[in-house]
Amino acid sequence: MSEPPAVAGGQFVIIAPMISDQEELEEVRAYDNAKSSIDQAIPLAQAIKEIEDDLVS
């Protein structure tokens, strides 16, 4: 049998779903910001090459 959630002040505290919800909200906001950006999209392979080139130089 698994352990119950942590108890604080006599109440059950469930943290993991709140963290998951917060992370999902951040991902949605990042996606929305990327979609509304005027930056030009480039192929993934090109992006990786540019990042690697920047790390080397």
N, C-alpha and C. Protein backbone atom coordinates (compact mmCIF):
# COMPACT_ATOMS: atom_id res chain seq x y z
N MET A 1 0.84 -1.19 0.00
CA MET A 1 0.00 0.00 0.00
C MET A 1 0.88 1.24 0.00
N SER A 2 0.55 2.23 -0.80
CA SER A 2 1.37 3.43 -0.89
C SER A 2 1.11 4.36 0.29
N GLU A 3 2.06 5.25 0.50
CA GLU A 3 1.97 6.20 1.60
C GLU A 3 0.92 7.27 1.28
N PRO A 4 0.17 7.74 2.28
CA PRO A 4 -0.80 8.82 2.04
C PRO A 4 -0.08 10.13 1.80
N PRO A 5 -0.75 11.11 1.21
CA PRO A 5 -0.14 12.43 1.01
C PRO A 5 0.27 13.03 2.35
N ALA A 6 1.18 13.97 2.31
CA ALA A 6 1.62 14.64 3.53
C ALA A 6 0.44 15.31 4.23
N VAL A 7 0.49 15.33 5.54
CA VAL A 7 -0.58 15.94 6.32
C VAL A 7 -0.04 17.20 6.97
N ALA A 8 -0.71 18.33 6.77
CA ALA A 8 -0.31 19.59 7.38
C ALA A 8 -1.51 20.20 8.07
N GLY A 9 -1.41 20.37 9.36
CA GLY A 9 -2.51 20.97 10.11
C GLY A 9 -3.79 20.16 10.04
N GLY A 10 -3.66 18.83 9.94
CA GLY A 10 -4.85 17.99 9.91
C GLY A 10 -5.50 17.89 8.54
N GLN A 11 -4.93 18.54 7.55
CA GLN A 11 -5.50 18.52 6.20
C GLN A 11 -4.52 17.84 5.25
N PHE A 12 -5.06 17.12 4.29
CA PHE A 12 -4.21 16.50 3.28
C PHE A 12 -3.71 17.56 2.31
N VAL A 13 -2.45 17.48 2.01
CA VAL A 13 -1.84 18.42 1.09
C VAL A 13 -1.38 17.64 -0.13
N ILE A 14 -1.91 17.96 -1.27
CA ILE A 14 -1.52 17.28 -2.50
C ILE A 14 -0.84 18.32 -3.39
N ILE A 15 0.47 18.20 -3.52
CA ILE A 15 1.27 19.20 -4.22
C ILE A 15 1.47 18.84 -5.70
N ALA A 16 1.71 17.58 -6.00
CA ALA A 16 2.07 17.18 -7.36
C ALA A 16 1.09 17.66 -8.43
N PRO A 17 -0.24 17.51 -8.23
CA PRO A 17 -1.15 18.00 -9.28
C PRO A 17 -1.06 19.52 -9.48
N MET A 18 -0.81 20.26 -8.41
CA MET A 18 -0.70 21.72 -8.55
C MET A 18 0.54 22.08 -9.35
N ILE A 19 1.65 21.37 -9.10
CA ILE A 19 2.88 21.63 -9.85
C ILE A 19 2.67 21.27 -11.31
N SER A 20 2.04 20.15 -11.57
CA SER A 20 1.76 19.73 -12.93
C SER A 20 0.89 20.75 -13.66
N ASP A 21 -0.13 21.24 -12.99
CA ASP A 21 -1.01 22.25 -13.59
C ASP A 21 -0.23 23.53 -13.89
N GLN A 22 0.64 23.94 -12.97
CA GLN A 22 1.44 25.15 -13.17
C GLN A 22 2.39 24.98 -14.35
N GLU A 23 3.03 23.81 -14.45
CA GLU A 23 3.93 23.56 -15.58
C GLU A 23 3.17 23.57 -16.90
N GLU A 24 1.98 22.98 -16.91
CA GLU A 24 1.18 22.96 -18.14
C GLU A 24 0.79 24.38 -18.54
N LEU A 25 0.41 25.21 -17.57
CA LEU A 25 0.06 26.59 -17.86
C LEU A 25 1.25 27.35 -18.45
N GLU A 26 2.44 27.12 -17.89
CA GLU A 26 3.64 27.76 -18.42
C GLU A 26 3.92 27.32 -19.86
N GLU A 27 3.70 26.03 -20.14
CA GLU A 27 3.91 25.52 -21.50
C GLU A 27 2.92 26.15 -22.48
N VAL A 28 1.67 26.30 -22.07
CA VAL A 28 0.65 26.91 -22.92
C VAL A 28 1.02 28.37 -23.19
N ARG A 29 1.47 29.07 -22.17
CA ARG A 29 1.87 30.48 -22.35
C ARG A 29 3.06 30.59 -23.29
N ALA A 30 4.04 29.70 -23.15
CA ALA A 30 5.21 29.71 -24.04
C ALA A 30 4.78 29.45 -25.48
N TYR A 31 3.87 28.49 -25.66
CA TYR A 31 3.36 28.18 -27.00
C TYR A 31 2.64 29.40 -27.59
N ASP A 32 1.76 30.01 -26.80
CA ASP A 32 1.03 31.19 -27.26
C ASP A 32 1.98 32.32 -27.64
N ASN A 33 3.02 32.52 -26.83
CA ASN A 33 4.00 33.57 -27.13
C ASN A 33 4.74 33.26 -28.43
N ALA A 34 5.10 32.00 -28.62
CA ALA A 34 5.81 31.62 -29.85
C ALA A 34 4.92 31.80 -31.07
N LYS A 35 3.65 31.42 -30.96
CA LYS A 35 2.73 31.54 -32.09
C LYS A 35 2.47 33.00 -32.45
N SER A 36 2.47 33.88 -31.48
CA SER A 36 2.17 35.29 -31.75
C SER A 36 3.42 36.08 -32.11
N SER A 37 4.58 35.44 -32.07
CA SER A 37 5.84 36.10 -32.38
C SER A 37 5.94 36.38 -33.88
N ILE A 38 6.62 37.45 -34.21
CA ILE A 38 6.83 37.77 -35.63
C ILE A 38 8.12 37.14 -36.16
N ASP A 39 8.84 36.41 -35.28
CA ASP A 39 10.06 35.73 -35.71
C ASP A 39 9.74 34.69 -36.78
N GLN A 40 10.68 34.52 -37.68
CA GLN A 40 10.51 33.54 -38.74
C GLN A 40 10.88 32.16 -38.21
N ALA A 41 10.08 31.17 -38.51
CA ALA A 41 10.36 29.80 -38.11
C ALA A 41 11.47 29.24 -38.98
N ILE A 42 12.35 28.44 -38.36
CA ILE A 42 13.42 27.79 -39.11
C ILE A 42 13.37 26.30 -38.80
N PRO A 43 13.91 25.47 -39.70
CA PRO A 43 13.92 24.03 -39.46
C PRO A 43 14.72 23.69 -38.19
N LEU A 44 14.31 22.64 -37.51
CA LEU A 44 14.96 22.22 -36.27
C LEU A 44 16.45 21.96 -36.47
N ALA A 45 16.79 21.28 -37.54
CA ALA A 45 18.20 20.97 -37.80
C ALA A 45 19.04 22.24 -37.91
N GLN A 46 18.49 23.26 -38.54
CA GLN A 46 19.20 24.54 -38.67
C GLN A 46 19.35 25.20 -37.30
N ALA A 47 18.30 25.15 -36.49
CA ALA A 47 18.35 25.75 -35.16
C ALA A 47 19.41 25.07 -34.30
N ILE A 48 19.47 23.73 -34.36
CA ILE A 48 20.46 22.99 -33.58
C ILE A 48 21.86 23.36 -34.03
N LYS A 49 22.07 23.44 -35.35
CA LYS A 49 23.39 23.80 -35.87
C LYS A 49 23.78 25.19 -35.41
N GLU A 50 22.87 26.15 -35.45
CA GLU A 50 23.20 27.51 -35.01
C GLU A 50 23.53 27.56 -33.52
N ILE A 51 22.81 26.80 -32.72
CA ILE A 51 23.08 26.75 -31.28
C ILE A 51 24.45 26.13 -31.02
N GLU A 52 24.73 25.01 -31.71
CA GLU A 52 26.03 24.35 -31.54
C GLU A 52 27.17 25.25 -32.00
N ASP A 53 26.98 25.97 -33.10
CA ASP A 53 28.01 26.89 -33.60
C ASP A 53 28.26 28.00 -32.58
N ASP A 54 27.21 28.51 -31.93
CA ASP A 54 27.36 29.55 -30.92
C ASP A 54 28.11 29.02 -29.70
N LEU A 55 27.91 27.76 -29.34
CA LEU A 55 28.58 27.18 -28.19
C LEU A 55 30.08 27.00 -28.45
N VAL A 56 30.41 26.70 -29.70
CA VAL A 56 31.82 26.48 -30.06
C VAL A 56 32.57 27.80 -30.13
N SER A 57 31.92 28.82 -30.59
CA SER A 57 32.64 30.11 -30.77
C SER A 57 32.67 30.93 -29.52
